[in-house]
Structures are given as C-alpha cells and as structure tokens.
Amino acid sequence: MLELMICSLVTIVPDYLYRRYAQGKRFGKEITFFSVWYELRWGITGCLMLTIALITMIFYYHPSTTSAAIYFRTVPILPEGSGRVAEVNVGFSQEVKKGDVLFRLDASKQAAALETAKRKVAEVEASFISARADVVKAEAQVGEAKANLQQAKDELGVKSELQRRNPGIVPQRDIEKLQVLVDQRQSGLDAANAVRESAALRLSTLLPAEKASAEAAQAQAQVDLDKTFVRAGVDGRVEQFLVRTGDIVNQLMRPAGVLIPEGAGRSVLQAGFGQIEAQVMKPGMIAEATCISRPWVIIPLVVTNVQDYIAAGQFRSGEQLVDPQSLRQPGTILAFLEPLYKGGLEGVTPGSSCIVNAYTSNHDVIADPKTGALKGFALHAVDATGLVHALLLRIQALLLPIKTLVMSGH
C-alpha cells in the first residue's frame, strides 16, 4: 500500500493535474467514476507498473523476513552412568555455577570398588617391605654359598698338592669327592645368585608395575565414584529440573532437566531469508529488527555470517533413493546478525520471534571512478528505496503489539 501511494504521487497525481488545469476537466463533470480509467489511464498504468517494479526492487535488494529468532542451545542434564538418585541439590528453576553438584546417585558400589582398590595399593606397598627382606636374605645366601665354595676349593687344592708331591698319600677317591663337592657348591652359588637376581627383579620391576596397576585401578574407581556426582558444566540456569530422590536415571531416559548457559541467546540473532536473496545477502550488510518481546523498538544489526548451505537439501544416506519431488517446502538462507552497538539485544528474551530487514549498500561501487553516471544513478535509486522498507518496518513495529494483543483473540 505504501509503495502504491508513493508511486501514485509521480504518476496518477501529475496525470490528474494535467487533466484538471491543462485540459480544464473536473471531477463530477468530465472526470466521473465511470470515466476515471479513460481519463487517467496513463497515470494508472504507469502507477501499477512502477509499483510492481518498486516492490520487486525493494524486496529483492532490501530483503525482509518474519522467520527470525534468537536461538540458543541448551545442555541436557544427564549422568554418565545410571543409578538411583540419592540426593538432589537444586530446585525446578535455579541459577548454578560451574562445578555445582546438581544431584548425586547412589555410590555404594563405586565406594566399595574404591576401597578395594585402596587395599590393593596398600597390599602392594607392604610387598615392597617383604621384597627388600628377600633381597637381603638372598645376598646372605650368596655370601654363604661363596664361602662354602671357597672352603671346598681350598681343601681340594691342599689334597691335590699332597698327591702331586707324594703320589699315593691321598686316595684318588677323596680327590674325586672333593671335586664333586666343589662342583656342587658352585651350583649352589649359581642358584643363590639366581634367587638374588629374582628378588632384585621383583623389587625393581614387578612390584612397581603391580603398584602402578593398582594405582590406576584406584584412579578408575575414583573416577567412577566422581561420576555419581552430576555437576553443572558451565555457569547458567537450570530449568525444568524434575528429578527427585529415589528416581532411577540413565542416558537412555529423558534428561533430568536442561541447563541454559549464561549469556545464551544474548548476542546473535538468526534469520531465514528466501532463496532468491542468495546473491544479495552478504556479510557486512546493515539490518534492522523488531522483536515481539521488546515492542516499539528498532534494533540496528549487522550481518556477520551467511550460511552457504540450505538446510532443506540435506539428506542422510539410506536404503532409499532421494526424490527431489519430496522437497515440498523450499528452504531459506540462514543469516547470523549481531547488534551494531553494544547491548543492542538487551531486553529481548532469548527465543523471541522477530521481524528483520536487511539493506543493500552500493556506496563502494558508486564511489568507484570506473562506475558510469547512469549506473551510479540506478544504484543510488536502489539504495534510496531502502527507506521505504525502513518505514514499513517501523509501521510493523507500531502495529505488532496491537496485532498480537487485539487481533489474535485475546
């Protein structure tokens, strides 16, 4: 309607003024209800053509959408395991800080496992004392075996020397027995050395490995016990927290509630524009929005990012072929907009529905010396038509509360 009124000022009105003052025709005389089309046909035709062209240009170069909202992501409150709720520390709706315990599961099984792991660590540490004693004992056995071996070697040496000096003075059988005794005690020394090496290896390698394994099991048991405490991962607010003591919760059931991070939905507004605006929507464009939760306020914005994919074309591979005819609803170009000034979205409730206008600016192209005069004039006209859309947005902002409160059946 506004576009039609503006176009009529430069088409129908001049045509009427010409008929009235140049040709002397008057309403009710030459110009009647039945002769309006014939008398003002050039103005009416020009008005309709100009209106269609103006609306097309405005909505293409300065796109508008009502599919805009301040989306925010919530964090589901779920335990990593499953169990029965033993304690609840927050209410249905409450502010929480990162690390606060929201609720606790029954931890009798995990506590018993942790105690068992601690006992295993203590058992391994006690084995270190026994292993050190075994090493000392093995060292003593090695010393005893060396002494016995040396004694047998000395006795064999004496009798062998006597036999050499006086053959027959020492029976050959005694010398052979002494040689066997030396070999036997040499084997005993080797066995004692092996026992010492085994005891030292157990003390230096086996027991430390057992202790490390026991400590790892203790750490795992501690982690399992800590998992029974469900904590807030970020600062925020818990909403719809319905878990009560005695409930059984696990990851397959519905979440115990949702955690809304602090500041969620306070910085970015998302808007879906028609696919035809894919070549127009660019980062850096200036935009304006009015939201139902903050009526009669125009919020200046800037486009920071434009998603390069349309969600309607997404599919998951499966056993059926994709049929494009099943795409009944055309998708939109998703744009991310941030306030042009700090605190621009203050007072707007996260999740609120908004109306957004984006405005094309050709200032850089117009300022380019290579741009011709005709093209520059046309681009000036394109930028100037953004004023019409800005007026329309302000009219919508004025009527939005009335439409919501009066026309919606309240």
Protein backbone atom coordinates (compact mmCIF):
# COMPACT_ATOMS: atom_id res chain seq x y z
CA MET A 1 0.00 0.00 0.00
CA LEU A 2 2.79 2.42 0.90
CA GLU A 3 4.57 1.67 -2.37
CA LEU A 4 1.33 2.29 -4.28
CA MET A 5 0.82 5.65 -2.56
CA ILE A 6 4.39 6.74 -3.32
CA CYS A 7 4.16 5.68 -6.96
CA SER A 8 0.82 7.44 -7.39
CA LEU A 9 2.47 10.73 -6.43
CA VAL A 10 4.66 10.62 -9.55
CA THR A 11 2.13 9.03 -11.93
CA ILE A 12 -1.56 9.48 -11.17
CA VAL A 13 -1.26 12.89 -9.47
CA PRO A 14 0.67 14.56 -12.34
CA ASP A 15 -1.77 12.98 -14.82
CA TYR A 16 -4.73 14.37 -12.88
CA LEU A 17 -3.15 17.82 -12.57
CA TYR A 18 -2.61 17.88 -16.31
CA ARG A 19 -6.26 16.90 -16.96
CA ARG A 20 -7.53 19.39 -14.40
CA TYR A 21 -5.54 22.51 -15.14
CA ALA A 22 -4.23 21.98 -18.68
CA GLN A 23 -7.38 20.47 -20.18
CA GLY A 24 -9.86 22.02 -17.74
CA LYS A 25 -11.56 18.76 -16.85
CA ARG A 26 -13.19 18.49 -13.42
CA PHE A 27 -14.35 15.71 -11.12
CA GLY A 28 -18.07 15.19 -11.39
CA LYS A 29 -18.16 16.74 -14.84
CA GLU A 30 -15.73 15.37 -17.43
CA ILE A 31 -14.00 13.10 -14.93
CA THR A 32 -16.55 10.78 -13.31
CA PHE A 33 -16.41 7.41 -11.60
CA PHE A 34 -17.05 5.72 -14.94
CA SER A 35 -14.50 7.76 -16.90
CA VAL A 36 -11.63 7.64 -14.45
CA TRP A 37 -9.87 4.82 -16.31
CA TYR A 38 -10.14 6.54 -19.66
CA GLU A 39 -9.13 9.96 -18.40
CA LEU A 40 -6.29 8.78 -16.12
CA ARG A 41 -5.27 5.63 -17.99
CA TRP A 42 -1.65 6.74 -18.47
CA GLY A 43 -1.22 7.63 -14.81
CA ILE A 44 -2.95 4.47 -13.56
CA THR A 45 -0.97 2.21 -15.92
CA GLY A 46 2.29 3.92 -15.02
CA CYS A 47 1.42 3.72 -11.32
CA LEU A 48 0.78 -0.03 -11.48
CA MET A 49 3.95 -0.72 -13.46
CA LEU A 50 6.06 1.50 -11.21
CA THR A 51 4.55 -0.04 -8.08
CA ILE A 52 5.31 -3.58 -9.25
CA ALA A 53 8.86 -2.57 -10.20
CA LEU A 54 9.36 -0.74 -6.90
CA ILE A 55 8.06 -3.64 -4.80
CA THR A 56 10.22 -6.11 -6.72
CA MET A 57 13.32 -3.94 -6.31
CA ILE A 58 12.68 -3.24 -2.63
CA PHE A 59 12.07 -6.85 -1.64
CA TYR A 60 15.00 -8.13 -3.71
CA TYR A 61 17.69 -5.63 -2.76
CA HIS A 62 16.37 -4.99 0.76
CA PRO A 63 15.05 -8.40 1.83
CA SER A 64 12.72 -8.85 4.76
CA THR A 65 11.71 -11.90 6.78
CA THR A 66 9.49 -12.83 9.67
CA SER A 67 11.35 -16.12 10.16
CA ALA A 68 13.83 -14.72 12.64
CA ALA A 69 14.52 -15.59 16.25
CA ILE A 70 17.26 -15.55 18.84
CA TYR A 71 18.08 -19.23 19.01
CA PHE A 72 20.12 -20.67 21.86
CA ARG A 73 21.38 -24.14 22.69
CA THR A 74 20.66 -25.87 25.97
CA VAL A 75 22.75 -28.52 27.71
CA PRO A 76 20.82 -31.66 28.73
CA ILE A 77 21.43 -32.76 32.30
CA LEU A 78 22.33 -36.45 32.14
CA PRO A 79 24.57 -38.69 34.23
CA GLU A 80 27.42 -40.56 32.54
CA GLY A 81 26.21 -43.79 34.08
CA SER A 82 22.98 -44.99 35.58
CA GLY A 83 21.67 -45.42 39.09
CA ARG A 84 19.20 -44.30 41.72
CA VAL A 85 19.15 -40.67 42.80
CA ALA A 86 20.36 -40.35 46.38
CA GLU A 87 20.42 -36.57 46.78
CA VAL A 88 19.05 -33.54 44.88
CA ASN A 89 20.67 -30.13 45.41
CA VAL A 90 18.75 -27.79 43.06
CA GLY A 91 15.12 -26.90 42.51
CA PHE A 92 12.88 -26.77 39.44
CA SER A 93 14.46 -23.49 38.28
CA GLN A 94 17.68 -22.15 39.78
CA GLU A 95 20.90 -20.31 38.99
CA VAL A 96 24.02 -22.51 39.19
CA LYS A 97 27.76 -22.07 38.83
CA LYS A 98 30.21 -24.29 37.00
CA GLY A 99 31.08 -27.29 39.17
CA ASP A 100 27.99 -27.10 41.41
CA VAL A 101 26.57 -30.53 42.26
CA LEU A 102 23.06 -30.81 40.78
CA PHE A 103 22.25 -34.27 42.11
CA ARG A 104 24.05 -37.37 43.35
CA LEU A 105 23.49 -41.02 42.52
CA ASP A 106 23.77 -43.88 44.99
CA ALA A 107 27.51 -44.64 45.16
CA SER A 108 27.71 -47.69 47.44
CA LYS A 109 29.05 -49.92 44.66
CA GLN A 110 31.58 -47.34 43.49
CA ALA A 111 32.69 -46.62 47.07
CA ALA A 112 33.27 -50.34 47.69
CA ALA A 113 35.29 -50.63 44.49
CA LEU A 114 37.40 -47.63 45.52
CA GLU A 115 38.05 -49.13 48.96
CA THR A 116 39.08 -52.43 47.34
CA ALA A 117 41.49 -50.58 45.05
CA LYS A 118 42.98 -48.72 48.02
CA ARG A 119 43.52 -52.00 49.86
CA LYS A 120 45.24 -53.43 46.81
CA VAL A 121 47.64 -50.47 46.74
CA ALA A 122 48.37 -50.93 50.44
CA GLU A 123 48.98 -54.67 49.83
CA VAL A 124 51.50 -53.91 47.08
CA GLU A 125 53.26 -51.35 49.28
CA ALA A 126 53.54 -53.98 52.03
CA SER A 127 55.03 -56.38 49.47
CA PHE A 128 57.88 -53.90 48.96
CA ILE A 129 58.99 -54.46 52.59
CA SER A 130 58.87 -58.24 52.14
CA ALA A 131 60.75 -57.97 48.84
CA ARG A 132 63.52 -55.91 50.42
CA ALA A 133 63.89 -58.56 53.14
CA ASP A 134 64.04 -61.26 50.46
CA VAL A 135 66.84 -59.34 48.70
CA VAL A 136 68.84 -59.14 51.95
CA LYS A 137 68.26 -62.83 52.59
CA ALA A 138 69.35 -63.69 49.06
CA GLU A 139 72.51 -61.60 49.49
CA ALA A 140 73.31 -63.56 52.66
CA GLN A 141 72.72 -66.86 50.89
CA VAL A 142 75.04 -65.79 48.09
CA GLY A 143 77.74 -64.94 50.66
CA GLU A 144 77.28 -68.29 52.39
CA ALA A 145 77.46 -70.14 49.07
CA LYS A 146 80.69 -68.29 48.16
CA ALA A 147 82.26 -69.20 51.48
CA ASN A 148 81.33 -72.88 51.15
CA LEU A 149 82.66 -72.93 47.61
CA GLN A 150 85.90 -71.34 48.65
CA GLN A 151 86.29 -73.85 51.51
CA ALA A 152 85.80 -76.78 49.16
CA LYS A 153 88.24 -75.33 46.63
CA ASP A 154 90.90 -74.82 49.36
CA GLU A 155 90.52 -78.39 50.62
CA LEU A 156 90.70 -79.75 47.09
CA GLY A 157 93.80 -77.68 46.42
CA VAL A 158 95.61 -78.92 49.54
CA LYS A 159 94.95 -82.58 48.84
CA SER A 160 95.80 -82.17 45.18
CA GLU A 161 99.16 -80.63 46.14
CA LEU A 162 99.87 -83.51 48.58
CA GLN A 163 99.02 -86.02 45.88
CA ARG A 164 101.38 -84.26 43.49
CA ARG A 165 104.27 -84.29 45.96
CA ASN A 166 103.71 -87.76 47.35
CA PRO A 167 101.73 -89.86 44.93
CA GLY A 168 99.52 -92.34 46.74
CA ILE A 169 99.45 -90.44 50.05
CA VAL A 170 95.91 -89.21 49.32
CA PRO A 171 93.42 -91.67 47.89
CA GLN A 172 92.22 -90.75 44.40
CA ARG A 173 88.68 -91.35 45.59
CA ASP A 174 88.93 -88.46 48.10
CA ILE A 175 90.14 -86.08 45.45
CA GLU A 176 87.25 -87.03 43.18
CA LYS A 177 84.79 -86.50 46.08
CA LEU A 178 86.25 -83.06 46.72
CA GLN A 179 85.94 -82.19 43.01
CA VAL A 180 82.29 -83.22 43.07
CA LEU A 181 81.81 -81.13 46.24
CA VAL A 182 83.33 -78.07 44.52
CA ASP A 183 81.01 -78.52 41.53
CA GLN A 184 78.04 -78.95 43.86
CA ARG A 185 78.84 -75.79 45.81
CA GLN A 186 79.43 -73.91 42.54
CA SER A 187 75.91 -74.89 41.52
CA GLY A 188 74.66 -73.76 44.91
CA LEU A 189 76.33 -70.37 44.36
CA ASP A 190 74.72 -70.07 40.94
CA ALA A 191 71.34 -70.90 42.47
CA ALA A 192 71.85 -68.29 45.19
CA ASN A 193 72.77 -65.69 42.58
CA ALA A 194 69.63 -66.58 40.62
CA VAL A 195 67.49 -66.20 43.75
CA ARG A 196 69.14 -62.83 44.43
CA GLU A 197 68.52 -61.66 40.86
CA SER A 198 64.90 -62.81 41.07
CA ALA A 199 64.36 -60.96 44.35
CA ALA A 200 66.04 -57.82 43.00
CA LEU A 201 63.98 -58.01 39.77
CA ARG A 202 60.76 -58.38 41.78
CA LEU A 203 61.70 -55.35 43.88
CA SER A 204 62.80 -53.13 40.99
CA THR A 205 60.37 -54.13 38.23
CA LEU A 206 57.50 -56.44 39.17
CA LEU A 207 56.28 -54.70 42.32
CA PRO A 208 56.44 -51.17 40.79
CA ALA A 209 54.36 -52.45 37.86
CA GLU A 210 51.85 -54.03 40.25
CA LYS A 211 51.72 -50.79 42.24
CA ALA A 212 51.15 -48.73 39.09
CA SER A 213 48.37 -51.09 38.03
CA ALA A 214 46.79 -50.90 41.48
CA GLU A 215 47.02 -47.10 41.49
CA ALA A 216 45.43 -46.99 38.01
CA ALA A 217 42.60 -49.18 39.28
CA GLN A 218 42.23 -46.84 42.25
CA ALA A 219 42.12 -43.82 39.95
CA GLN A 220 39.49 -45.54 37.78
CA ALA A 221 37.44 -46.35 40.87
CA GLN A 222 37.73 -42.71 41.95
CA VAL A 223 36.53 -41.57 38.50
CA ASP A 224 33.55 -43.94 38.72
CA LEU A 225 32.74 -42.53 42.15
CA ASP A 226 33.03 -38.96 40.88
CA LYS A 227 30.61 -39.78 38.05
CA THR A 228 27.89 -40.32 40.64
CA PHE A 229 28.04 -36.56 41.28
CA VAL A 230 26.31 -34.81 38.37
CA ARG A 231 27.70 -31.28 38.17
CA ALA A 232 26.97 -28.17 36.13
CA GLY A 233 29.41 -27.92 33.23
CA VAL A 234 29.00 -24.16 32.80
CA ASP A 235 27.57 -21.16 34.59
CA GLY A 236 23.90 -20.84 33.79
CA ARG A 237 20.40 -21.64 34.89
CA VAL A 238 18.73 -24.99 35.47
CA GLU A 239 15.19 -25.23 34.11
CA GLN A 240 12.53 -27.95 34.25
CA PHE A 241 14.56 -29.98 36.73
CA LEU A 242 12.12 -32.68 37.80
CA VAL A 243 14.41 -35.37 39.26
CA ARG A 244 13.68 -36.33 42.86
CA THR A 245 15.33 -38.62 45.39
CA GLY A 246 14.63 -42.25 44.57
CA ASP A 247 14.28 -41.80 40.81
CA ILE A 248 16.30 -44.05 38.52
CA VAL A 249 18.12 -42.14 35.78
CA ASN A 250 20.31 -43.20 32.87
CA GLN A 251 21.37 -41.88 29.47
CA LEU A 252 18.59 -43.69 27.62
CA MET A 253 15.86 -41.93 29.56
CA ARG A 254 14.78 -38.32 29.10
CA PRO A 255 17.17 -35.68 30.52
CA ALA A 256 16.76 -34.79 34.17
CA GLY A 257 16.43 -31.18 33.04
CA VAL A 258 18.15 -28.61 30.89
CA LEU A 259 20.98 -26.22 31.68
CA ILE A 260 20.87 -22.91 29.84
CA PRO A 261 24.39 -21.44 29.68
CA GLU A 262 24.83 -17.93 30.97
CA GLY A 263 24.54 -15.42 28.14
CA ALA A 264 22.85 -17.88 25.77
CA GLY A 265 20.69 -16.10 23.22
CA ARG A 266 22.03 -12.67 24.12
CA SER A 267 24.42 -11.92 21.30
CA VAL A 268 23.32 -13.36 17.94
CA LEU A 269 20.04 -13.32 16.04
CA GLN A 270 19.38 -15.86 13.27
CA ALA A 271 17.12 -15.05 10.33
CA GLY A 272 15.99 -17.13 7.35
CA PHE A 273 15.66 -15.22 4.07
CA GLY A 274 14.19 -16.54 0.82
CA GLN A 275 16.41 -18.43 -1.58
CA ILE A 276 16.10 -15.66 -4.16
CA GLU A 277 18.18 -13.43 -1.86
CA ALA A 278 21.16 -15.82 -2.01
CA GLN A 279 23.12 -13.39 -4.24
CA VAL A 280 22.13 -10.36 -2.19
CA MET A 281 22.78 -11.46 1.40
CA LYS A 282 26.42 -10.74 2.23
CA PRO A 283 28.34 -10.32 5.48
CA GLY A 284 28.62 -6.68 6.44
CA MET A 285 25.09 -5.69 5.42
CA ILE A 286 23.24 -3.39 7.78
CA ALA A 287 19.94 -4.71 9.09
CA GLU A 288 17.16 -3.75 11.48
CA ALA A 289 14.86 -5.87 13.61
CA THR A 290 11.85 -5.53 15.85
CA CYS A 291 11.01 -8.31 18.30
CA ILE A 292 7.70 -9.14 19.93
CA SER A 293 9.30 -9.38 23.39
CA ARG A 294 10.56 -5.79 23.07
CA PRO A 295 7.80 -3.90 21.23
CA TRP A 296 8.10 -0.49 19.58
CA VAL A 297 11.90 -0.74 19.47
CA ILE A 298 14.03 -0.91 16.31
CA ILE A 299 17.31 -2.79 16.86
CA PRO A 300 20.16 -1.98 14.44
CA LEU A 301 22.12 -5.07 13.39
CA VAL A 302 24.90 -6.14 11.08
CA VAL A 303 25.11 -9.40 9.13
CA THR A 304 28.20 -11.26 10.36
CA ASN A 305 27.83 -14.55 8.53
CA VAL A 306 25.65 -16.19 5.88
CA GLN A 307 25.35 -19.97 5.84
CA ASP A 308 26.41 -21.23 2.42
CA TYR A 309 24.04 -24.21 2.50
CA ILE A 310 20.26 -24.57 2.55
CA ALA A 311 19.10 -26.99 5.21
CA ALA A 312 16.18 -28.24 3.12
CA GLY A 313 18.61 -30.00 0.76
CA GLN A 314 20.25 -32.05 3.49
CA PHE A 315 19.74 -35.83 3.45
CA ARG A 316 21.09 -38.90 5.15
CA SER A 317 22.15 -41.84 3.04
CA GLY A 318 19.95 -44.87 3.41
CA GLU A 319 18.31 -47.67 1.51
CA GLN A 320 16.01 -45.33 -0.43
CA LEU A 321 16.93 -43.02 -3.30
CA VAL A 322 16.38 -39.29 -2.88
CA ASP A 323 13.34 -37.95 -4.74
CA PRO A 324 13.51 -34.15 -5.28
CA GLN A 325 9.72 -34.05 -5.51
CA SER A 326 9.57 -34.84 -1.78
CA LEU A 327 11.12 -31.40 -1.12
CA ARG A 328 7.76 -29.69 -0.71
CA GLN A 329 8.88 -26.76 1.43
CA PRO A 330 11.66 -24.58 -0.01
CA GLY A 331 14.43 -23.79 2.40
CA THR A 332 15.84 -20.44 3.42
CA ILE A 333 19.21 -18.72 3.51
CA LEU A 334 20.32 -18.61 7.14
CA ALA A 335 22.00 -15.36 8.19
CA PHE A 336 23.60 -14.54 11.52
CA LEU A 337 23.17 -10.98 12.77
CA GLU A 338 24.80 -9.25 15.71
CA PRO A 339 23.88 -5.92 17.32
CA LEU A 340 25.54 -2.93 15.72
CA TYR A 341 26.01 -1.41 19.17
CA LYS A 342 26.91 -3.00 22.49
CA GLY A 343 23.88 -4.17 24.44
CA GLY A 344 21.62 -3.94 21.41
CA LEU A 345 19.76 -7.14 22.31
CA GLU A 346 19.26 -6.26 25.97
CA GLY A 347 15.66 -6.68 26.94
CA VAL A 348 14.96 -9.17 24.14
CA THR A 349 14.00 -12.53 25.60
CA PRO A 350 16.07 -15.40 24.10
CA GLY A 351 13.91 -17.36 21.70
CA SER A 352 11.78 -14.33 20.85
CA SER A 353 10.35 -14.07 17.32
CA CYS A 354 11.45 -11.05 15.32
CA ILE A 355 10.94 -9.26 12.01
CA VAL A 356 14.18 -8.43 10.20
CA ASN A 357 15.01 -6.12 7.30
CA ALA A 358 18.40 -6.15 5.58
CA TYR A 359 19.58 -3.25 3.43
CA THR A 360 21.86 -3.42 0.41
CA SER A 361 24.54 -0.73 0.22
CA ASN A 362 26.27 0.13 -3.05
CA HIS A 363 28.34 3.01 -1.70
CA ASP A 364 31.68 1.47 -2.64
CA VAL A 365 30.53 0.76 -6.20
CA ILE A 366 29.10 4.25 -6.60
CA ALA A 367 32.31 5.84 -5.26
CA ASP A 368 34.40 3.85 -7.74
CA PRO A 369 35.60 6.18 -10.55
CA LYS A 370 35.00 3.40 -13.06
CA THR A 371 31.26 3.41 -12.35
CA GLY A 372 29.30 5.26 -15.01
CA ALA A 373 26.80 8.04 -14.29
CA LEU A 374 23.77 6.01 -15.35
CA LYS A 375 24.80 3.01 -13.31
CA GLY A 376 25.59 5.23 -10.34
CA PHE A 377 22.15 6.85 -10.58
CA ALA A 378 20.48 3.43 -10.71
CA LEU A 379 22.45 2.24 -7.68
CA HIS A 380 21.53 5.44 -5.84
CA ALA A 381 17.89 4.67 -6.58
CA VAL A 382 18.31 1.11 -5.27
CA ASP A 383 19.85 2.34 -2.03
CA ALA A 384 17.23 5.06 -1.64
CA THR A 385 14.36 2.57 -1.86
CA GLY A 386 15.61 1.05 1.39
CA LEU A 387 13.91 3.99 3.09
CA VAL A 388 10.53 2.59 2.07
CA HIS A 389 11.32 -0.76 3.68
CA ALA A 390 12.60 1.01 6.79
CA LEU A 391 9.26 2.87 7.02
CA LEU A 392 7.38 -0.39 6.58
CA LEU A 393 9.38 -1.98 9.41
CA ARG A 394 8.52 0.90 11.72
CA ILE A 395 4.86 0.59 10.84
CA GLN A 396 5.08 -3.14 11.58
CA ALA A 397 6.79 -2.40 14.90
CA LEU A 398 3.98 0.03 15.75
CA LEU A 399 1.22 -2.42 14.84
CA LEU A 400 2.83 -5.62 16.12
CA PRO A 401 1.70 -5.30 19.78
CA ILE A 402 -1.80 -4.27 18.64
CA LYS A 403 -1.98 -7.18 16.22
CA THR A 404 -0.78 -9.58 18.92
CA LEU A 405 -2.96 -8.34 21.76
CA VAL A 406 -6.12 -7.29 19.90
CA MET A 407 -6.30 -9.18 16.60
CA SER A 408 -5.15 -12.58 17.91
CA GLY A 409 -8.29 -13.15 20.01
CA HIS A 410 -7.12 -12.01 23.46
